[in-house]
Amino acid sequence: MTQTSLIRAALEAGETLTPLDALQQFNCFRLAARIKDLRDDGLDIETLKIATNNKSFAAYRLAGRQGRLL
C-alpha cells in the first residue's frame, strides 16, 4: 500500500494524525503533502492547530469526527 492509502485508512478508522505519527507509522516525512493529495481526491479533512510550550504543529482528522488527540 502507498503512504497515501495508509494515511487514508487511518483517518477513516477515526485516527487523528500528526507529522510525528505519520513518520512513525508510515515512514512519511511529508504528511501535509499527503493530506493535500487526499483533499484533492475529495476527502474532507480538517486541520487542528496544536500548540505546546515552544512549538506548534498541525494534526489532521476527517471533518466531523472526534479522533484521538495526543
C-alpha atoms as a PDB file:
ATOM      1  CA  MET A   1       0.000   0.000   0.000  1.00  0.00           C
ATOM      2  CA  THR A   2       1.103   3.565  -0.610  1.00  0.00           C
ATOM      3  CA  GLN A   3       1.637   6.129   2.137  1.00  0.00           C
ATOM      4  CA  THR A   4      -1.432   7.991   0.924  1.00  0.00           C
ATOM      5  CA  SER A   5      -3.638   4.906   1.113  1.00  0.00           C
ATOM      6  CA  LEU A   6      -2.306   4.022   4.575  1.00  0.00           C
ATOM      7  CA  ILE A   7      -2.970   7.553   5.821  1.00  0.00           C
ATOM      8  CA  ARG A   8      -6.447   7.475   4.282  1.00  0.00           C
ATOM      9  CA  ALA A   9      -7.214   4.194   6.059  1.00  0.00           C
ATOM     10  CA  ALA A  10      -6.012   5.604   9.384  1.00  0.00           C
ATOM     11  CA  LEU A  11      -8.159   8.723   9.016  1.00  0.00           C
ATOM     12  CA  GLU A  12     -11.189   6.658   8.008  1.00  0.00           C
ATOM     13  CA  ALA A  13     -10.619   4.495  11.098  1.00  0.00           C
ATOM     14  CA  GLY A  14     -11.051   7.644  13.206  1.00  0.00           C
ATOM     15  CA  GLU A  15      -7.429   8.478  13.940  1.00  0.00           C
ATOM     16  CA  THR A  16      -6.096  11.992  14.291  1.00  0.00           C
ATOM     17  CA  LEU A  17      -2.633  12.173  12.737  1.00  0.00           C
ATOM     18  CA  THR A  18       0.307  14.435  13.459  1.00  0.00           C
ATOM     19  CA  PRO A  19       3.511  14.617  11.430  1.00  0.00           C
ATOM     20  CA  LEU A  20       5.258  12.534  14.104  1.00  0.00           C
ATOM     21  CA  ASP A  21       2.523   9.878  13.887  1.00  0.00           C
ATOM     22  CA  ALA A  22       2.935   9.744  10.113  1.00  0.00           C
ATOM     23  CA  LEU A  23       6.693   9.390  10.401  1.00  0.00           C
ATOM     24  CA  GLN A  24       6.476   6.617  12.993  1.00  0.00           C
ATOM     25  CA  GLN A  25       3.579   4.667  11.481  1.00  0.00           C
ATOM     26  CA  PHE A  26       4.050   5.160   7.745  1.00  0.00           C
ATOM     27  CA  ASN A  27       7.634   6.417   7.321  1.00  0.00           C
ATOM     28  CA  CYS A  28       6.111   9.567   5.819  1.00  0.00           C
ATOM     29  CA  PHE A  29       8.127  12.770   6.123  1.00  0.00           C
ATOM     30  CA  ARG A  30       5.602  14.939   4.240  1.00  0.00           C
ATOM     31  CA  LEU A  31       2.213  14.436   5.865  1.00  0.00           C
ATOM     32  CA  ALA A  32       0.907  17.817   4.664  1.00  0.00           C
ATOM     33  CA  ALA A  33       1.592  16.809   1.054  1.00  0.00           C
ATOM     34  CA  ARG A  34      -0.258  13.508   1.507  1.00  0.00           C
ATOM     35  CA  ILE A  35      -3.167  15.364   3.143  1.00  0.00           C
ATOM     36  CA  LYS A  36      -3.307  17.659   0.113  1.00  0.00           C
ATOM     37  CA  ASP A  37      -3.435  14.606  -2.165  1.00  0.00           C
ATOM     38  CA  LEU A  38      -6.342  13.205  -0.147  1.00  0.00           C
ATOM     39  CA  ARG A  39      -8.165  16.536  -0.188  1.00  0.00           C
ATOM     40  CA  ASP A  40      -7.673  16.687  -3.959  1.00  0.00           C
ATOM     41  CA  ASP A  41      -9.323  13.240  -4.087  1.00  0.00           C
ATOM     42  CA  GLY A  42     -12.346  14.676  -2.267  1.00  0.00           C
ATOM     43  CA  LEU A  43     -11.707  13.665   1.345  1.00  0.00           C
ATOM     44  CA  ASP A  44     -12.958  16.309   3.809  1.00  0.00           C
ATOM     45  CA  ILE A  45     -10.039  16.668   6.240  1.00  0.00           C
ATOM     46  CA  GLU A  46      -9.831  19.297   8.943  1.00  0.00           C
ATOM     47  CA  THR A  47      -6.619  20.770  10.293  1.00  0.00           C
ATOM     48  CA  LEU A  48      -6.196  21.221  14.026  1.00  0.00           C
ATOM     49  CA  LYS A  49      -3.503  23.583  15.251  1.00  0.00           C
ATOM     50  CA  ILE A  50      -1.739  22.225  18.314  1.00  0.00           C
ATOM     51  CA  ALA A  51       0.438  24.467  20.474  1.00  0.00           C
ATOM     52  CA  THR A  52       2.725  23.197  23.210  1.00  0.00           C
ATOM     53  CA  ASN A  53       5.374  25.040  25.221  1.00  0.00           C
ATOM     54  CA  ASN A  54       7.533  26.490  22.432  1.00  0.00           C
ATOM     55  CA  LYS A  55       6.262  24.568  19.422  1.00  0.00           C
ATOM     56  CA  SER A  56       3.180  24.365  17.291  1.00  0.00           C
ATOM     57  CA  PHE A  57       2.175  21.822  14.680  1.00  0.00           C
ATOM     58  CA  ALA A  58      -0.814  20.585  12.736  1.00  0.00           C
ATOM     59  CA  ALA A  59      -2.911  17.498  13.333  1.00  0.00           C
ATOM     60  CA  TYR A  60      -5.379  16.135  10.799  1.00  0.00           C
ATOM     61  CA  ARG A  61      -8.640  14.206  11.062  1.00  0.00           C
ATOM     62  CA  LEU A  62     -11.714  13.657   8.962  1.00  0.00           C
ATOM     63  CA  ALA A  63     -14.152  16.518   9.338  1.00  0.00           C
ATOM     64  CA  GLY A  64     -16.886  15.870  11.847  1.00  0.00           C
ATOM     65  CA  ARG A  65     -15.041  13.097  13.671  1.00  0.00           C
ATOM     66  CA  GLN A  66     -13.641  13.128  17.160  1.00  0.00           C
ATOM     67  CA  GLY A  67     -10.400  11.214  16.755  1.00  0.00           C
ATOM     68  CA  ARG A  68      -7.788  10.554  19.395  1.00  0.00           C
ATOM     69  CA  LEU A  69      -5.830  13.716  20.015  1.00  0.00           C
ATOM     70  CA  LEU A  70      -2.438  13.394  21.610  1.00  0.00           C
END
